[in-house]
Amino acid sequence: MAQENHGLPPEVQIDHWNEATNVYMLVVCVSIWFLYYLRCGGRVMHIFNRRGVPIVPEIDKPQDALKRVRLRQQLEHYYNVRRADQRDQKIDME
């Protein structure tokens, strides 16, 4: 018995066996989950290739840039008209 344990007391040998068994159980559970995931139509690469938030903002298309400029111009025109209307109302009240 001492030859099989390599000179370790039985308590230490049992602890080593328990740790090894826990690792084997973990490997089996992960393997079963992985097989189930593949069977249910999951994409494997989706797990490993998660895309984060892009660091560099994407370059806008020229049409999008023109739409934004036009929208900004429309808003500026709207605010200018509102300011003029408010000024006219103040003048009429006085």
PDB file of N, CA and C in Angstrom:
ATOM      1  N   MET A   1       0.825  -1.185   0.000  1.00  0.00           N
ATOM      2  CA  MET A   1       0.000   0.000   0.000  1.00  0.00           C
ATOM      3  C   MET A   1       0.877   1.260   0.000  1.00  0.00           C
ATOM      4  N   ALA A   2       1.950   1.260   0.726  1.00  0.00           N
ATOM      5  CA  ALA A   2       2.831   2.419   0.773  1.00  0.00           C
ATOM      6  C   ALA A   2       3.480   2.659  -0.578  1.00  0.00           C
ATOM      7  N   GLN A   3       3.731   1.585  -1.336  1.00  0.00           N
ATOM      8  CA  GLN A   3       4.320   1.727  -2.668  1.00  0.00           C
ATOM      9  C   GLN A   3       3.343   2.433  -3.619  1.00  0.00           C
ATOM     10  N   GLU A   4       2.049   2.117  -3.532  1.00  0.00           N
ATOM     11  CA  GLU A   4       1.054   2.707  -4.426  1.00  0.00           C
ATOM     12  C   GLU A   4       0.842   4.194  -4.115  1.00  0.00           C
ATOM     13  N   ASN A   5       0.925   4.574  -2.857  1.00  0.00           N
ATOM     14  CA  ASN A   5       0.704   5.956  -2.452  1.00  0.00           C
ATOM     15  C   ASN A   5       1.945   6.823  -2.574  1.00  0.00           C
ATOM     16  N   HIS A   6       3.046   6.237  -2.983  1.00  0.00           N
ATOM     17  CA  HIS A   6       4.319   6.944  -3.101  1.00  0.00           C
ATOM     18  C   HIS A   6       4.731   7.564  -1.768  1.00  0.00           C
ATOM     19  N   GLY A   7       4.436   6.900  -0.705  1.00  0.00           N
ATOM     20  CA  GLY A   7       4.837   7.345   0.614  1.00  0.00           C
ATOM     21  C   GLY A   7       3.930   8.407   1.206  1.00  0.00           C
ATOM     22  N   LEU A   8       2.820   8.707   0.585  1.00  0.00           N
ATOM     23  CA  LEU A   8       1.905   9.716   1.111  1.00  0.00           C
ATOM     24  C   LEU A   8       0.925   9.074   2.080  1.00  0.00           C
ATOM     25  N   PRO A   9       0.518   9.801   3.105  1.00  0.00           N
ATOM     26  CA  PRO A   9      -0.498   9.267   4.002  1.00  0.00           C
ATOM     27  C   PRO A   9      -1.824   9.104   3.261  1.00  0.00           C
ATOM     28  N   PRO A  10      -2.706   8.240   3.724  1.00  0.00           N
ATOM     29  CA  PRO A  10      -3.977   7.993   3.022  1.00  0.00           C
ATOM     30  C   PRO A  10      -4.846   9.242   2.897  1.00  0.00           C
ATOM     31  N   GLU A  11      -4.802  10.137   3.897  1.00  0.00           N
ATOM     32  CA  GLU A  11      -5.639  11.324   3.817  1.00  0.00           C
ATOM     33  C   GLU A  11      -5.236  12.208   2.636  1.00  0.00           C
ATOM     34  N   VAL A  12      -3.930  12.359   2.434  1.00  0.00           N
ATOM     35  CA  VAL A  12      -3.441  13.186   1.334  1.00  0.00           C
ATOM     36  C   VAL A  12      -3.787  12.531  -0.005  1.00  0.00           C
ATOM     37  N   GLN A  13      -3.652  11.202  -0.063  1.00  0.00           N
ATOM     38  CA  GLN A  13      -3.970  10.484  -1.291  1.00  0.00           C
ATOM     39  C   GLN A  13      -5.461  10.648  -1.640  1.00  0.00           C
ATOM     40  N   ILE A  14      -6.330  10.602  -0.627  1.00  0.00           N
ATOM     41  CA  ILE A  14      -7.765  10.772  -0.861  1.00  0.00           C
ATOM     42  C   ILE A  14      -8.052  12.188  -1.343  1.00  0.00           C
ATOM     43  N   ASP A  15      -7.364  13.205  -0.786  1.00  0.00           N
ATOM     44  CA  ASP A  15      -7.562  14.581  -1.231  1.00  0.00           C
ATOM     45  C   ASP A  15      -7.155  14.755  -2.692  1.00  0.00           C
ATOM     46  N   HIS A  16      -6.028  14.151  -3.071  1.00  0.00           N
ATOM     47  CA  HIS A  16      -5.577  14.222  -4.466  1.00  0.00           C
ATOM     48  C   HIS A  16      -6.596  13.555  -5.383  1.00  0.00           C
ATOM     49  N   TRP A  17      -7.123  12.427  -4.965  1.00  0.00           N
ATOM     50  CA  TRP A  17      -8.116  11.704  -5.766  1.00  0.00           C
ATOM     51  C   TRP A  17      -9.389  12.546  -5.923  1.00  0.00           C
ATOM     52  N   ASN A  18      -9.811  13.210  -4.840  1.00  0.00           N
ATOM     53  CA  ASN A  18     -11.001  14.057  -4.910  1.00  0.00           C
ATOM     54  C   ASN A  18     -10.798  15.236  -5.859  1.00  0.00           C
ATOM     55  N   GLU A  19      -9.637  15.860  -5.816  1.00  0.00           N
ATOM     56  CA  GLU A  19      -9.355  16.977  -6.714  1.00  0.00           C
ATOM     57  C   GLU A  19      -9.356  16.520  -8.166  1.00  0.00           C
ATOM     58  N   ALA A  20      -8.733  15.374  -8.441  1.00  0.00           N
ATOM     59  CA  ALA A  20      -8.706  14.846  -9.805  1.00  0.00           C
ATOM     60  C   ALA A  20     -10.116  14.499 -10.274  1.00  0.00           C
ATOM     61  N   THR A  21     -10.924  13.923  -9.394  1.00  0.00           N
ATOM     62  CA  THR A  21     -12.296  13.567  -9.750  1.00  0.00           C
ATOM     63  C   THR A  21     -13.111  14.820 -10.052  1.00  0.00           C
ATOM     64  N   ASN A  22     -12.908  15.886  -9.290  1.00  0.00           N
ATOM     65  CA  ASN A  22     -13.618  17.136  -9.555  1.00  0.00           C
ATOM     66  C   ASN A  22     -13.265  17.694 -10.927  1.00  0.00           C
ATOM     67  N   VAL A  23     -12.005  17.613 -11.303  1.00  0.00           N
ATOM     68  CA  VAL A  23     -11.581  18.099 -12.616  1.00  0.00           C
ATOM     69  C   VAL A  23     -12.225  17.256 -13.706  1.00  0.00           C
ATOM     70  N   TYR A  24     -12.233  15.930 -13.545  1.00  0.00           N
ATOM     71  CA  TYR A  24     -12.844  15.059 -14.546  1.00  0.00           C
ATOM     72  C   TYR A  24     -14.338  15.344 -14.669  1.00  0.00           C
ATOM     73  N   MET A  25     -15.012  15.562 -13.556  1.00  0.00           N
ATOM     74  CA  MET A  25     -16.438  15.853 -13.591  1.00  0.00           C
ATOM     75  C   MET A  25     -16.694  17.187 -14.315  1.00  0.00           C
ATOM     76  N   LEU A  26     -15.856  18.159 -14.077  1.00  0.00           N
ATOM     77  CA  LEU A  26     -15.996  19.444 -14.747  1.00  0.00           C
ATOM     78  C   LEU A  26     -15.821  19.291 -16.255  1.00  0.00           C
ATOM     79  N   VAL A  27     -14.827  18.528 -16.666  1.00  0.00           N
ATOM     80  CA  VAL A  27     -14.588  18.295 -18.095  1.00  0.00           C
ATOM     81  C   VAL A  27     -15.780  17.583 -18.726  1.00  0.00           C
ATOM     82  N   VAL A  28     -16.332  16.601 -18.045  1.00  0.00           N
ATOM     83  CA  VAL A  28     -17.485  15.865 -18.572  1.00  0.00           C
ATOM     84  C   VAL A  28     -18.691  16.797 -18.691  1.00  0.00           C
ATOM     85  N   CYS A  29     -18.941  17.604 -17.679  1.00  0.00           N
ATOM     86  CA  CYS A  29     -20.091  18.521 -17.719  1.00  0.00           C
ATOM     87  C   CYS A  29     -19.952  19.542 -18.846  1.00  0.00           C
ATOM     88  N   VAL A  30     -18.767  20.106 -19.022  1.00  0.00           N
ATOM     89  CA  VAL A  30     -18.553  21.079 -20.089  1.00  0.00           C
ATOM     90  C   VAL A  30     -18.698  20.412 -21.452  1.00  0.00           C
ATOM     91  N   SER A  31     -18.216  19.195 -21.589  1.00  0.00           N
ATOM     92  CA  SER A  31     -18.342  18.471 -22.861  1.00  0.00           C
ATOM     93  C   SER A  31     -19.800  18.192 -23.189  1.00  0.00           C
ATOM     94  N   ILE A  32     -20.568  17.776 -22.205  1.00  0.00           N
ATOM     95  CA  ILE A  32     -21.995  17.510 -22.432  1.00  0.00           C
ATOM     96  C   ILE A  32     -22.712  18.801 -22.818  1.00  0.00           C
ATOM     97  N   TRP A  33     -22.406  19.896 -22.114  1.00  0.00           N
ATOM     98  CA  TRP A  33     -23.026  21.178 -22.457  1.00  0.00           C
ATOM     99  C   TRP A  33     -22.660  21.576 -23.877  1.00  0.00           C
ATOM    100  N   PHE A  34     -21.409  21.406 -24.274  1.00  0.00           N
ATOM    101  CA  PHE A  34     -20.946  21.794 -25.603  1.00  0.00           C
ATOM    102  C   PHE A  34     -21.666  20.981 -26.680  1.00  0.00           C
ATOM    103  N   LEU A  35     -21.807  19.681 -26.454  1.00  0.00           N
ATOM    104  CA  LEU A  35     -22.523  18.841 -27.418  1.00  0.00           C
ATOM    105  C   LEU A  35     -23.993  19.252 -27.509  1.00  0.00           C
ATOM    106  N   TYR A  36     -24.607  19.547 -26.387  1.00  0.00           N
ATOM    107  CA  TYR A  36     -25.999  19.999 -26.384  1.00  0.00           C
ATOM    108  C   TYR A  36     -26.127  21.324 -27.135  1.00  0.00           C
ATOM    109  N   TYR A  37     -25.183  22.215 -26.926  1.00  0.00           N
ATOM    110  CA  TYR A  37     -25.204  23.521 -27.588  1.00  0.00           C
ATOM    111  C   TYR A  37     -25.084  23.350 -29.102  1.00  0.00           C
ATOM    112  N   LEU A  38     -24.199  22.472 -29.542  1.00  0.00           N
ATOM    113  CA  LEU A  38     -24.043  22.240 -30.973  1.00  0.00           C
ATOM    114  C   LEU A  38     -25.296  21.610 -31.567  1.00  0.00           C
ATOM    115  N   ARG A  39     -25.913  20.717 -30.843  1.00  0.00           N
ATOM    116  CA  ARG A  39     -27.094  20.021 -31.340  1.00  0.00           C
ATOM    117  C   ARG A  39     -28.270  20.977 -31.472  1.00  0.00           C
ATOM    118  N   CYS A  40     -28.355  21.958 -30.598  1.00  0.00           N
ATOM    119  CA  CYS A  40     -29.469  22.911 -30.629  1.00  0.00           C
ATOM    120  C   CYS A  40     -29.263  24.012 -31.653  1.00  0.00           C
ATOM    121  N   GLY A  41     -28.268  23.896 -32.486  1.00  0.00           N
ATOM    122  CA  GLY A  41     -28.080  24.862 -33.565  1.00  0.00           C
ATOM    123  C   GLY A  41     -27.275  26.075 -33.177  1.00  0.00           C
ATOM    124  N   GLY A  42     -26.568  26.047 -32.078  1.00  0.00           N
ATOM    125  CA  GLY A  42     -25.746  27.188 -31.690  1.00  0.00           C
ATOM    126  C   GLY A  42     -24.539  27.300 -32.589  1.00  0.00           C
ATOM    127  N   ARG A  43     -24.106  28.531 -32.784  1.00  0.00           N
ATOM    128  CA  ARG A  43     -22.916  28.738 -33.593  1.00  0.00           C
ATOM    129  C   ARG A  43     -21.703  28.768 -32.682  1.00  0.00           C
ATOM    130  N   VAL A  44     -20.738  27.935 -32.979  1.00  0.00           N
ATOM    131  CA  VAL A  44     -19.562  27.819 -32.120  1.00  0.00           C
ATOM    132  C   VAL A  44     -18.738  29.099 -32.155  1.00  0.00           C
ATOM    133  N   MET A  45     -18.549  29.653 -33.321  1.00  0.00           N
ATOM    134  CA  MET A  45     -17.697  30.818 -33.428  1.00  0.00           C
ATOM    135  C   MET A  45     -18.324  32.041 -32.746  1.00  0.00           C
ATOM    136  N   HIS A  46     -19.647  32.035 -32.602  1.00  0.00           N
ATOM    137  CA  HIS A  46     -20.303  33.149 -31.923  1.00  0.00           C
ATOM    138  C   HIS A  46     -19.874  33.219 -30.456  1.00  0.00           C
ATOM    139  N   ILE A  47     -19.596  32.078 -29.864  1.00  0.00           N
ATOM    140  CA  ILE A  47     -19.156  32.045 -28.465  1.00  0.00           C
ATOM    141  C   ILE A  47     -17.785  32.700 -28.333  1.00  0.00           C
ATOM    142  N   PHE A  48     -16.890  32.333 -29.224  1.00  0.00           N
ATOM    143  CA  PHE A  48     -15.501  32.736 -29.079  1.00  0.00           C
ATOM    144  C   PHE A  48     -15.199  34.097 -29.701  1.00  0.00           C
ATOM    145  N   ASN A  49     -16.036  34.564 -30.618  1.00  0.00           N
ATOM    146  CA  ASN A  49     -15.767  35.819 -31.322  1.00  0.00           C
ATOM    147  C   ASN A  49     -16.818  36.859 -30.986  1.00  0.00           C
ATOM    148  N   ARG A  50     -16.902  37.253 -29.757  1.00  0.00           N
ATOM    149  CA  ARG A  50     -17.849  38.296 -29.376  1.00  0.00           C
ATOM    150  C   ARG A  50     -17.259  39.635 -29.754  1.00  0.00           C
ATOM    151  N   ARG A  51     -18.059  40.427 -30.444  1.00  0.00           N
ATOM    152  CA  ARG A  51     -17.586  41.738 -30.868  1.00  0.00           C
ATOM    153  C   ARG A  51     -17.890  42.756 -29.787  1.00  0.00           C
ATOM    154  N   GLY A  52     -16.895  43.536 -29.455  1.00  0.00           N
ATOM    155  CA  GLY A  52     -17.074  44.578 -28.461  1.00  0.00           C
ATOM    156  C   GLY A  52     -17.481  45.875 -29.134  1.00  0.00           C
ATOM    157  N   VAL A  53     -17.488  46.899 -28.372  1.00  0.00           N
ATOM    158  CA  VAL A  53     -17.803  48.215 -28.905  1.00  0.00           C
ATOM    159  C   VAL A  53     -16.624  48.662 -29.762  1.00  0.00           C
ATOM    160  N   PRO A  54     -16.872  49.092 -30.988  1.00  0.00           N
ATOM    161  CA  PRO A  54     -15.749  49.505 -31.834  1.00  0.00           C
ATOM    162  C   PRO A  54     -15.035  50.716 -31.248  1.00  0.00           C
ATOM    163  N   ILE A  55     -13.735  50.663 -31.270  1.00  0.00           N
ATOM    164  CA  ILE A  55     -12.930  51.747 -30.712  1.00  0.00           C
ATOM    165  C   ILE A  55     -12.966  52.951 -31.643  1.00  0.00           C
ATOM    166  N   VAL A  56     -12.819  52.712 -32.942  1.00  0.00           N
ATOM    167  CA  VAL A  56     -12.823  53.784 -33.927  1.00  0.00           C
ATOM    168  C   VAL A  56     -14.236  53.876 -34.498  1.00  0.00           C
ATOM    169  N   PRO A  57     -14.856  55.034 -34.469  1.00  0.00           N
ATOM    170  CA  PRO A  57     -16.203  55.132 -35.033  1.00  0.00           C
ATOM    171  C   PRO A  57     -16.172  54.881 -36.536  1.00  0.00           C
ATOM    172  N   GLU A  58     -17.251  54.301 -37.013  1.00  0.00           N
ATOM    173  CA  GLU A  58     -17.314  54.004 -38.433  1.00  0.00           C
ATOM    174  C   GLU A  58     -17.441  55.303 -39.230  1.00  0.00           C
ATOM    175  N   ILE A  59     -16.888  55.299 -40.428  1.00  0.00           N
ATOM    176  CA  ILE A  59     -16.947  56.473 -41.291  1.00  0.00           C
ATOM    177  C   ILE A  59     -18.334  56.513 -41.919  1.00  0.00           C
ATOM    178  N   ASP A  60     -18.965  57.692 -41.843  1.00  0.00           N
ATOM    179  CA  ASP A  60     -20.305  57.841 -42.392  1.00  0.00           C
ATOM    180  C   ASP A  60     -20.261  57.816 -43.912  1.00  0.00           C
ATOM    181  N   LYS A  61     -21.349  57.344 -44.481  1.00  0.00           N
ATOM    182  CA  LYS A  61     -21.481  57.394 -45.927  1.00  0.00           C
ATOM    183  C   LYS A  61     -21.742  58.848 -46.318  1.00  0.00           C
ATOM    184  N   PRO A  62     -21.393  59.221 -47.535  1.00  0.00           N
ATOM    185  CA  PRO A  62     -21.624  60.614 -47.955  1.00  0.00           C
ATOM    186  C   PRO A  62     -23.099  61.012 -47.882  1.00  0.00           C
ATOM    187  N   GLN A  63     -24.007  60.078 -48.191  1.00  0.00           N
ATOM    188  CA  GLN A  63     -25.425  60.416 -48.136  1.00  0.00           C
ATOM    189  C   GLN A  63     -25.849  60.714 -46.708  1.00  0.00           C
ATOM    190  N   ASP A  64     -25.351  59.929 -45.757  1.00  0.00           N
ATOM    191  CA  ASP A  64     -25.695  60.165 -44.352  1.00  0.00           C
ATOM    192  C   ASP A  64     -25.163  61.518 -43.885  1.00  0.00           C
ATOM    193  N   ALA A  65     -23.955  61.852 -44.317  1.00  0.00           N
ATOM    194  CA  ALA A  65     -23.381  63.139 -43.921  1.00  0.00           C
ATOM    195  C   ALA A  65     -24.213  64.288 -44.491  1.00  0.00           C
ATOM    196  N   LEU A  66     -24.646  64.151 -45.746  1.00  0.00           N
ATOM    197  CA  LEU A  66     -25.465  65.205 -46.349  1.00  0.00           C
ATOM    198  C   LEU A  66     -26.815  65.318 -45.647  1.00  0.00           C
ATOM    199  N   LYS A  67     -27.391  64.190 -45.255  1.00  0.00           N
ATOM    200  CA  LYS A  67     -28.666  64.224 -44.532  1.00  0.00           C
ATOM    201  C   LYS A  67     -28.511  64.935 -43.194  1.00  0.00           C
ATOM    202  N   ARG A  68     -27.417  64.679 -42.519  1.00  0.00           N
ATOM    203  CA  ARG A  68     -27.179  65.338 -41.227  1.00  0.00           C
ATOM    204  C   ARG A  68     -26.999  66.842 -41.400  1.00  0.00           C
ATOM    205  N   VAL A  69     -26.271  67.244 -42.444  1.00  0.00           N
ATOM    206  CA  VAL A  69     -26.071  68.669 -42.695  1.00  0.00           C
ATOM    207  C   VAL A  69     -27.404  69.324 -42.994  1.00  0.00           C
ATOM    208  N   ARG A  70     -28.211  68.667 -43.825  1.00  0.00           N
ATOM    209  CA  ARG A  70     -29.520  69.234 -44.171  1.00  0.00           C
ATOM    210  C   ARG A  70     -30.402  69.332 -42.930  1.00  0.00           C
ATOM    211  N   LEU A  71     -30.403  68.327 -42.090  1.00  0.00           N
ATOM    212  CA  LEU A  71     -31.187  68.366 -40.864  1.00  0.00           C
ATOM    213  C   LEU A  71     -30.727  69.498 -39.950  1.00  0.00           C
ATOM    214  N   ARG A  72     -29.422  69.675 -39.841  1.00  0.00           N
ATOM    215  CA  ARG A  72     -28.889  70.760 -39.012  1.00  0.00           C
ATOM    216  C   ARG A  72     -29.322  72.118 -39.561  1.00  0.00           C
ATOM    217  N   GLN A  73     -29.289  72.260 -40.886  1.00  0.00           N
ATOM    218  CA  GLN A  73     -29.725  73.512 -41.485  1.00  0.00           C
ATOM    219  C   GLN A  73     -31.207  73.764 -41.225  1.00  0.00           C
ATOM    220  N   GLN A  74     -32.024  72.718 -41.327  1.00  0.00           N
ATOM    221  CA  GLN A  74     -33.450  72.873 -41.068  1.00  0.00           C
ATOM    222  C   GLN A  74     -33.705  73.278 -39.621  1.00  0.00           C
ATOM    223  N   LEU A  75     -32.976  72.679 -38.687  1.00  0.00           N
ATOM    224  CA  LEU A  75     -33.147  73.041 -37.277  1.00  0.00           C
ATOM    225  C   LEU A  75     -32.733  74.481 -37.018  1.00  0.00           C
ATOM    226  N   GLU A  76     -31.620  74.900 -37.598  1.00  0.00           N
ATOM    227  CA  GLU A  76     -31.182  76.283 -37.425  1.00  0.00           C
ATOM    228  C   GLU A  76     -32.225  77.246 -37.984  1.00  0.00           C
ATOM    229  N   HIS A  77     -32.761  76.933 -39.145  1.00  0.00           N
ATOM    230  CA  HIS A  77     -33.789  77.787 -39.740  1.00  0.00           C
ATOM    231  C   HIS A  77     -35.017  77.835 -38.839  1.00  0.00           C
ATOM    232  N   TYR A  78     -35.430  76.689 -38.292  1.00  0.00           N
ATOM    233  CA  TYR A  78     -36.588  76.633 -37.405  1.00  0.00           C
ATOM    234  C   TYR A  78     -36.370  77.512 -36.176  1.00  0.00           C
ATOM    235  N   TYR A  79     -35.189  77.410 -35.561  1.00  0.00           N
ATOM    236  CA  TYR A  79     -34.904  78.208 -34.361  1.00  0.00           C
ATOM    237  C   TYR A  79     -34.858  79.700 -34.691  1.00  0.00           C
ATOM    238  N   ASN A  80     -34.304  80.048 -35.845  1.00  0.00           N
ATOM    239  CA  ASN A  80     -34.264  81.458 -36.232  1.00  0.00           C
ATOM    240  C   ASN A  80     -35.669  82.007 -36.446  1.00  0.00           C
ATOM    241  N   VAL A  81     -36.535  81.246 -37.082  1.00  0.00           N
ATOM    242  CA  VAL A  81     -37.911  81.682 -37.298  1.00  0.00           C
ATOM    243  C   VAL A  81     -38.630  81.831 -35.963  1.00  0.00           C
ATOM    244  N   ARG A  82     -38.433  80.863 -35.053  1.00  0.00           N
ATOM    245  CA  ARG A  82     -39.079  80.955 -33.731  1.00  0.00           C
ATOM    246  C   ARG A  82     -38.599  82.191 -32.982  1.00  0.00           C
ATOM    247  N   ARG A  83     -37.308  82.487 -33.038  1.00  0.00           N
ATOM    248  CA  ARG A  83     -36.772  83.658 -32.359  1.00  0.00           C
ATOM    249  C   ARG A  83     -37.354  84.944 -32.940  1.00  0.00           C
ATOM    250  N   ALA A  84     -37.478  84.968 -34.263  1.00  0.00           N
ATOM    251  CA  ALA A  84     -38.057  86.150 -34.905  1.00  0.00           C
ATOM    252  C   ALA A  84     -39.530  86.300 -34.516  1.00  0.00           C
ATOM    253  N   ASP A  85     -40.260  85.204 -34.468  1.00  0.00           N
ATOM    254  CA  ASP A  85     -41.671  85.259 -34.053  1.00  0.00           C
ATOM    255  C   ASP A  85     -41.812  85.763 -32.619  1.00  0.00           C
ATOM    256  N   GLN A  86     -40.944  85.286 -31.749  1.00  0.00           N
ATOM    257  CA  GLN A  86     -41.014  85.735 -30.357  1.00  0.00           C
ATOM    258  C   GLN A  86     -40.704  87.228 -30.258  1.00  0.00           C
ATOM    259  N   ARG A  87     -39.729  87.701 -31.045  1.00  0.00           N
ATOM    260  CA  ARG A  87     -39.389  89.124 -31.055  1.00  0.00           C
ATOM    261  C   ARG A  87     -40.573  89.956 -31.558  1.00  0.00           C
ATOM    262  N   ASP A  88     -41.218  89.455 -32.606  1.00  0.00           N
ATOM    263  CA  ASP A  88     -42.382  90.161 -33.148  1.00  0.00           C
ATOM    264  C   ASP A  88     -43.526  90.212 -32.134  1.00  0.00           C
ATOM    265  N   GLN A  89     -43.723  89.148 -31.381  1.00  0.00           N
ATOM    266  CA  GLN A  89     -44.789  89.144 -30.384  1.00  0.00           C
ATOM    267  C   GLN A  89     -44.490  90.149 -29.277  1.00  0.00           C
ATOM    268  N   LYS A  90     -43.229  90.257 -28.868  1.00  0.00           N
ATOM    269  CA  LYS A  90     -42.852  91.231 -27.824  1.00  0.00           C
ATOM    270  C   LYS A  90     -43.087  92.645 -28.314  1.00  0.00           C
ATOM    271  N   ILE A  91     -42.757  92.916 -29.577  1.00  0.00           N
ATOM    272  CA  ILE A  91     -42.922  94.259 -30.135  1.00  0.00           C
ATOM    273  C   ILE A  91     -44.430  94.597 -30.217  1.00  0.00           C
ATOM    274  N   ASP A  92     -45.245  93.620 -30.639  1.00  0.00           N
ATOM    275  CA  ASP A  92     -46.691  93.850 -30.749  1.00  0.00           C
ATOM    276  C   ASP A  92     -47.311  94.099 -29.374  1.00  0.00           C
ATOM    277  N   MET A  93     -46.821  93.463 -28.338  1.00  0.00           N
ATOM    278  CA  MET A  93     -47.391  93.621 -27.002  1.00  0.00           C
ATOM    279  C   MET A  93     -47.060  94.998 -26.421  1.00  0.00           C
ATOM    280  N   GLU A  94     -45.950  95.561 -26.819  1.00  0.00           N
ATOM    281  CA  GLU A  94     -45.545  96.854 -26.275  1.00  0.00           C
ATOM    282  C   GLU A  94     -46.265  97.910 -26.981  1.00  0.00           C
TER     283      GLU A  94
END
